[in-house]
């Protein structure tokens, strides 16, 4: 019988949180792939399946995806599962795409707020990809997040590196 993990609710974030969060990471890279193709893949049926940090990912709402869409990701080795809700979604096909979500629950305790923002911009060589992460820990975890900064940066950076590798294949 599968083990049922407790879920801890998180407070939702807004776009301002990406500039005000106590812990922030931002990565920008140029990827030689068409912007529309990259957007479709990022929002495909197996989100981030190419990332070694992600064990499993699935949308739990029906298409078409947009505001209010929810998805669930289980991180390696399978001990942490998060549920996310998209609160921001903009599409300008062929030019620019952007979406952002709040993690609304996690099987790992200690987080107060966690958000992720993805921006794609068309450039002559393909797509400029920006990935932003914003985190706030609960009172007891907040100092630990500062200490874990280098490890978190490396973990999020691995998502970016895996994404670059996947699209440059």
C-alpha atoms as a PDB file:
ATOM      1  CA  UNK A   1       0.000   0.000   0.000  1.00  0.00           C
ATOM      2  CA  UNK A   2       1.455   3.424  -0.914  1.00  0.00           C
ATOM      3  CA  UNK A   3       2.592   5.542   1.984  1.00  0.00           C
ATOM      4  CA  UNK A   4       0.511   8.710   2.361  1.00  0.00           C
ATOM      5  CA  UNK A   5       2.666  11.735   3.065  1.00  0.00           C
ATOM      6  CA  UNK A   6       1.299  14.661   5.085  1.00  0.00           C
ATOM      7  CA  UNK A   7       0.791  17.866   3.120  1.00  0.00           C
ATOM      8  CA  UNK A   8       1.769  21.246   4.501  1.00  0.00           C
ATOM      9  CA  UNK A   9      -0.080  24.263   3.059  1.00  0.00           C
ATOM     10  CA  UNK A  10       1.891  27.284   1.881  1.00  0.00           C
ATOM     11  CA  UNK A  11       0.769  30.884   1.476  1.00  0.00           C
ATOM     12  CA  UNK A  12       0.335  31.924  -2.139  1.00  0.00           C
ATOM     13  CA  UNK A  13       2.611  34.495  -3.756  1.00  0.00           C
ATOM     14  CA  UNK A  14       2.140  37.267  -6.324  1.00  0.00           C
ATOM     15  CA  UNK A  15       4.481  38.724  -8.960  1.00  0.00           C
ATOM     16  CA  UNK A  16       5.960  41.248  -6.497  1.00  0.00           C
ATOM     17  CA  UNK A  17       7.259  38.349  -4.390  1.00  0.00           C
ATOM     18  CA  UNK A  18       9.880  37.570  -7.042  1.00  0.00           C
ATOM     19  CA  UNK A  19      11.522  40.911  -6.183  1.00  0.00           C
ATOM     20  CA  UNK A  20      10.899  40.923  -2.424  1.00  0.00           C
ATOM     21  CA  UNK A  21      11.375  37.315  -1.296  1.00  0.00           C
ATOM     22  CA  UNK A  22      14.126  36.791   1.269  1.00  0.00           C
ATOM     23  CA  UNK A  23      15.642  34.049  -0.902  1.00  0.00           C
ATOM     24  CA  UNK A  24      15.727  34.552  -4.684  1.00  0.00           C
ATOM     25  CA  UNK A  25      17.442  32.856  -7.597  1.00  0.00           C
ATOM     26  CA  UNK A  26      17.332  33.907 -11.240  1.00  0.00           C
ATOM     27  CA  UNK A  27      18.840  32.183 -14.264  1.00  0.00           C
ATOM     28  CA  UNK A  28      18.838  33.401 -17.868  1.00  0.00           C
ATOM     29  CA  UNK A  29      20.124  31.437 -20.832  1.00  0.00           C
ATOM     30  CA  UNK A  30      19.749  31.561 -24.607  1.00  0.00           C
ATOM     31  CA  UNK A  31      18.532  28.320 -26.149  1.00  0.00           C
ATOM     32  CA  UNK A  32      18.676  27.660 -29.916  1.00  0.00           C
ATOM     33  CA  UNK A  33      15.084  26.473 -30.314  1.00  0.00           C
ATOM     34  CA  UNK A  34      11.904  28.131 -31.572  1.00  0.00           C
ATOM     35  CA  UNK A  35      10.021  29.923 -28.801  1.00  0.00           C
ATOM     36  CA  UNK A  36       6.651  28.298 -29.609  1.00  0.00           C
ATOM     37  CA  UNK A  37       8.197  24.820 -29.569  1.00  0.00           C
ATOM     38  CA  UNK A  38       9.913  25.493 -26.253  1.00  0.00           C
ATOM     39  CA  UNK A  39       6.719  26.840 -24.667  1.00  0.00           C
ATOM     40  CA  UNK A  40       4.719  23.822 -25.850  1.00  0.00           C
ATOM     41  CA  UNK A  41       7.341  21.450 -24.434  1.00  0.00           C
ATOM     42  CA  UNK A  42       7.612  23.240 -21.080  1.00  0.00           C
ATOM     43  CA  UNK A  43       3.837  22.983 -20.748  1.00  0.00           C
ATOM     44  CA  UNK A  44       3.607  19.444 -22.162  1.00  0.00           C
ATOM     45  CA  UNK A  45       2.037  16.420 -20.528  1.00  0.00           C
ATOM     46  CA  UNK A  46       5.239  15.400 -18.694  1.00  0.00           C
ATOM     47  CA  UNK A  47       6.540  18.662 -17.221  1.00  0.00           C
ATOM     48  CA  UNK A  48      10.292  18.751 -16.629  1.00  0.00           C
ATOM     49  CA  UNK A  49      10.649  15.022 -17.278  1.00  0.00           C
ATOM     50  CA  UNK A  50      14.157  15.718 -18.637  1.00  0.00           C
ATOM     51  CA  UNK A  51      15.333  17.151 -15.300  1.00  0.00           C
ATOM     52  CA  UNK A  52      17.247  14.782 -13.033  1.00  0.00           C
ATOM     53  CA  UNK A  53      15.841  16.562  -9.962  1.00  0.00           C
ATOM     54  CA  UNK A  54      12.254  15.712 -11.007  1.00  0.00           C
ATOM     55  CA  UNK A  55      11.031  12.158 -10.444  1.00  0.00           C
ATOM     56  CA  UNK A  56       7.502  12.702 -11.761  1.00  0.00           C
ATOM     57  CA  UNK A  57       5.348  15.586 -12.925  1.00  0.00           C
ATOM     58  CA  UNK A  58       1.780  15.850 -14.118  1.00  0.00           C
ATOM     59  CA  UNK A  59      -0.917  18.448 -14.591  1.00  0.00           C
ATOM     60  CA  UNK A  60      -3.937  17.785 -12.422  1.00  0.00           C
ATOM     61  CA  UNK A  61      -6.249  20.126 -14.316  1.00  0.00           C
ATOM     62  CA  UNK A  62      -7.486  19.719 -17.865  1.00  0.00           C
ATOM     63  CA  UNK A  63      -6.308  21.641 -20.912  1.00  0.00           C
ATOM     64  CA  UNK A  64      -6.288  24.370 -21.986  1.00  0.00           C
ATOM     65  CA  UNK A  65      -3.731  25.476 -19.406  1.00  0.00           C
ATOM     66  CA  UNK A  66      -3.786  29.018 -18.056  1.00  0.00           C
ATOM     67  CA  UNK A  67      -4.707  30.860 -14.876  1.00  0.00           C
ATOM     68  CA  UNK A  68      -5.643  28.422 -12.140  1.00  0.00           C
ATOM     69  CA  UNK A  69      -3.925  25.432 -13.758  1.00  0.00           C
ATOM     70  CA  UNK A  70      -2.550  23.023 -11.170  1.00  0.00           C
ATOM     71  CA  UNK A  71       0.252  20.512 -11.409  1.00  0.00           C
ATOM     72  CA  UNK A  72       2.051  18.150  -9.084  1.00  0.00           C
ATOM     73  CA  UNK A  73       5.789  17.433  -9.080  1.00  0.00           C
ATOM     74  CA  UNK A  74       7.647  14.792  -7.113  1.00  0.00           C
ATOM     75  CA  UNK A  75      11.315  15.544  -6.619  1.00  0.00           C
ATOM     76  CA  UNK A  76      14.080  12.947  -6.522  1.00  0.00           C
ATOM     77  CA  UNK A  77      14.399  10.553  -4.824  1.00  0.00           C
ATOM     78  CA  UNK A  78      10.652  10.740  -4.235  1.00  0.00           C
ATOM     79  CA  UNK A  79      10.469  12.123  -0.703  1.00  0.00           C
ATOM     80  CA  UNK A  80       9.045  15.559  -1.574  1.00  0.00           C
ATOM     81  CA  UNK A  81       5.916  16.274  -3.590  1.00  0.00           C
ATOM     82  CA  UNK A  82       4.642  19.776  -4.267  1.00  0.00           C
ATOM     83  CA  UNK A  83       1.364  20.971  -5.702  1.00  0.00           C
ATOM     84  CA  UNK A  84       1.445  24.204  -7.697  1.00  0.00           C
ATOM     85  CA  UNK A  85      -1.208  26.660  -8.896  1.00  0.00           C
ATOM     86  CA  UNK A  86      -0.565  29.090 -11.758  1.00  0.00           C
ATOM     87  CA  UNK A  87      -1.630  32.637 -10.900  1.00  0.00           C
ATOM     88  CA  UNK A  88      -0.010  34.406 -13.880  1.00  0.00           C
ATOM     89  CA  UNK A  89      -0.155  33.338 -17.541  1.00  0.00           C
ATOM     90  CA  UNK A  90       0.622  35.462 -20.613  1.00  0.00           C
ATOM     91  CA  UNK A  91       1.030  34.233 -24.176  1.00  0.00           C
ATOM     92  CA  UNK A  92       2.189  36.214 -27.213  1.00  0.00           C
ATOM     93  CA  UNK A  93       2.890  33.418 -29.729  1.00  0.00           C
ATOM     94  CA  UNK A  94       6.155  33.837 -31.576  1.00  0.00           C
ATOM     95  CA  UNK A  95       7.228  36.716 -29.296  1.00  0.00           C
ATOM     96  CA  UNK A  96       6.932  36.213 -25.565  1.00  0.00           C
ATOM     97  CA  UNK A  97       5.505  33.825 -22.990  1.00  0.00           C
ATOM     98  CA  UNK A  98       5.433  34.095 -19.223  1.00  0.00           C
ATOM     99  CA  UNK A  99       3.806  32.195 -16.392  1.00  0.00           C
ATOM    100  CA  UNK A 100       4.217  31.927 -12.651  1.00  0.00           C
ATOM    101  CA  UNK A 101       2.908  29.678  -9.929  1.00  0.00           C
ATOM    102  CA  UNK A 102       2.710  29.380  -6.185  1.00  0.00           C
ATOM    103  CA  UNK A 103       3.458  26.143  -4.450  1.00  0.00           C
ATOM    104  CA  UNK A 104       0.216  25.637  -2.525  1.00  0.00           C
ATOM    105  CA  UNK A 105       1.254  22.517  -0.615  1.00  0.00           C
ATOM    106  CA  UNK A 106       4.342  20.431   0.019  1.00  0.00           C
ATOM    107  CA  UNK A 107       5.102  17.167   1.747  1.00  0.00           C
ATOM    108  CA  UNK A 108       8.188  18.880   3.210  1.00  0.00           C
ATOM    109  CA  UNK A 109       7.559  21.165   6.190  1.00  0.00           C
ATOM    110  CA  UNK A 110       9.195  24.521   6.822  1.00  0.00           C
ATOM    111  CA  UNK A 111       8.267  26.644   3.818  1.00  0.00           C
ATOM    112  CA  UNK A 112       5.984  29.655   4.142  1.00  0.00           C
ATOM    113  CA  UNK A 113       5.924  30.740   0.477  1.00  0.00           C
ATOM    114  CA  UNK A 114       7.509  29.441  -2.713  1.00  0.00           C
ATOM    115  CA  UNK A 115       7.007  30.734  -6.243  1.00  0.00           C
ATOM    116  CA  UNK A 116       8.461  30.075  -9.657  1.00  0.00           C
ATOM    117  CA  UNK A 117       8.336  32.277 -12.760  1.00  0.00           C
ATOM    118  CA  UNK A 118       9.207  31.255 -16.313  1.00  0.00           C
ATOM    119  CA  UNK A 119       9.730  33.797 -19.117  1.00  0.00           C
ATOM    120  CA  UNK A 120      10.487  33.054 -22.777  1.00  0.00           C
ATOM    121  CA  UNK A 121      11.452  35.826 -25.203  1.00  0.00           C
ATOM    122  CA  UNK A 122      12.070  35.341 -28.918  1.00  0.00           C
ATOM    123  CA  UNK A 123      15.586  36.281 -30.036  1.00  0.00           C
ATOM    124  CA  UNK A 124      17.193  35.834 -33.466  1.00  0.00           C
ATOM    125  CA  UNK A 125      19.069  32.699 -32.359  1.00  0.00           C
ATOM    126  CA  UNK A 126      16.025  31.071 -30.686  1.00  0.00           C
ATOM    127  CA  UNK A 127      14.699  31.738 -27.197  1.00  0.00           C
ATOM    128  CA  UNK A 128      15.934  33.690 -24.191  1.00  0.00           C
ATOM    129  CA  UNK A 129      14.799  31.641 -21.199  1.00  0.00           C
ATOM    130  CA  UNK A 130      14.549  33.182 -17.728  1.00  0.00           C
ATOM    131  CA  UNK A 131      13.681  31.054 -14.712  1.00  0.00           C
ATOM    132  CA  UNK A 132      13.130  32.727 -11.340  1.00  0.00           C
ATOM    133  CA  UNK A 133      12.623  31.115  -7.947  1.00  0.00           C
ATOM    134  CA  UNK A 134      11.468  32.930  -4.795  1.00  0.00           C
ATOM    135  CA  UNK A 135      11.315  31.352  -1.348  1.00  0.00           C
ATOM    136  CA  UNK A 136      10.412  32.315   2.177  1.00  0.00           C
ATOM    137  CA  UNK A 137      10.831  29.872   5.032  1.00  0.00           C
ATOM    138  CA  UNK A 138       8.764  29.676   8.144  1.00  0.00           C
ATOM    139  CA  UNK A 139      10.332  31.309  11.175  1.00  0.00           C
ATOM    140  CA  UNK A 140      12.416  28.286  12.200  1.00  0.00           C
ATOM    141  CA  UNK A 141      13.600  27.491   8.651  1.00  0.00           C
ATOM    142  CA  UNK A 142      14.372  31.060   7.555  1.00  0.00           C
ATOM    143  CA  UNK A 143      17.988  31.093   8.870  1.00  0.00           C
ATOM    144  CA  UNK A 144      18.588  27.654   7.354  1.00  0.00           C
ATOM    145  CA  UNK A 145      17.539  28.905   3.908  1.00  0.00           C
ATOM    146  CA  UNK A 146      20.325  31.489   4.019  1.00  0.00           C
ATOM    147  CA  UNK A 147      22.851  28.794   4.904  1.00  0.00           C
ATOM    148  CA  UNK A 148      21.444  26.474   2.236  1.00  0.00           C
ATOM    149  CA  UNK A 149      21.680  29.215  -0.414  1.00  0.00           C
ATOM    150  CA  UNK A 150      24.601  27.667  -2.332  1.00  0.00           C
ATOM    151  CA  UNK A 151      22.986  24.203  -2.322  1.00  0.00           C
ATOM    152  CA  UNK A 152      19.630  25.626  -3.447  1.00  0.00           C
ATOM    153  CA  UNK A 153      21.314  27.635  -6.194  1.00  0.00           C
ATOM    154  CA  UNK A 154      23.042  24.465  -7.393  1.00  0.00           C
ATOM    155  CA  UNK A 155      19.768  22.491  -7.311  1.00  0.00           C
ATOM    156  CA  UNK A 156      17.855  25.119  -9.279  1.00  0.00           C
ATOM    157  CA  UNK A 157      20.839  25.547 -11.575  1.00  0.00           C
ATOM    158  CA  UNK A 158      20.697  21.823 -12.336  1.00  0.00           C
ATOM    159  CA  UNK A 159      17.129  22.310 -13.616  1.00  0.00           C
ATOM    160  CA  UNK A 160      18.416  24.997 -15.977  1.00  0.00           C
ATOM    161  CA  UNK A 161      21.396  22.896 -17.126  1.00  0.00           C
ATOM    162  CA  UNK A 162      19.147  19.880 -17.751  1.00  0.00           C
ATOM    163  CA  UNK A 163      16.742  22.099 -19.714  1.00  0.00           C
ATOM    164  CA  UNK A 164      19.592  23.558 -21.807  1.00  0.00           C
ATOM    165  CA  UNK A 165      20.895  20.061 -22.536  1.00  0.00           C
ATOM    166  CA  UNK A 166      17.433  18.766 -23.442  1.00  0.00           C
ATOM    167  CA  UNK A 167      16.653  21.550 -25.911  1.00  0.00           C
ATOM    168  CA  UNK A 168      20.153  21.561 -27.428  1.00  0.00           C
ATOM    169  CA  UNK A 169      20.003  17.869 -28.329  1.00  0.00           C
END
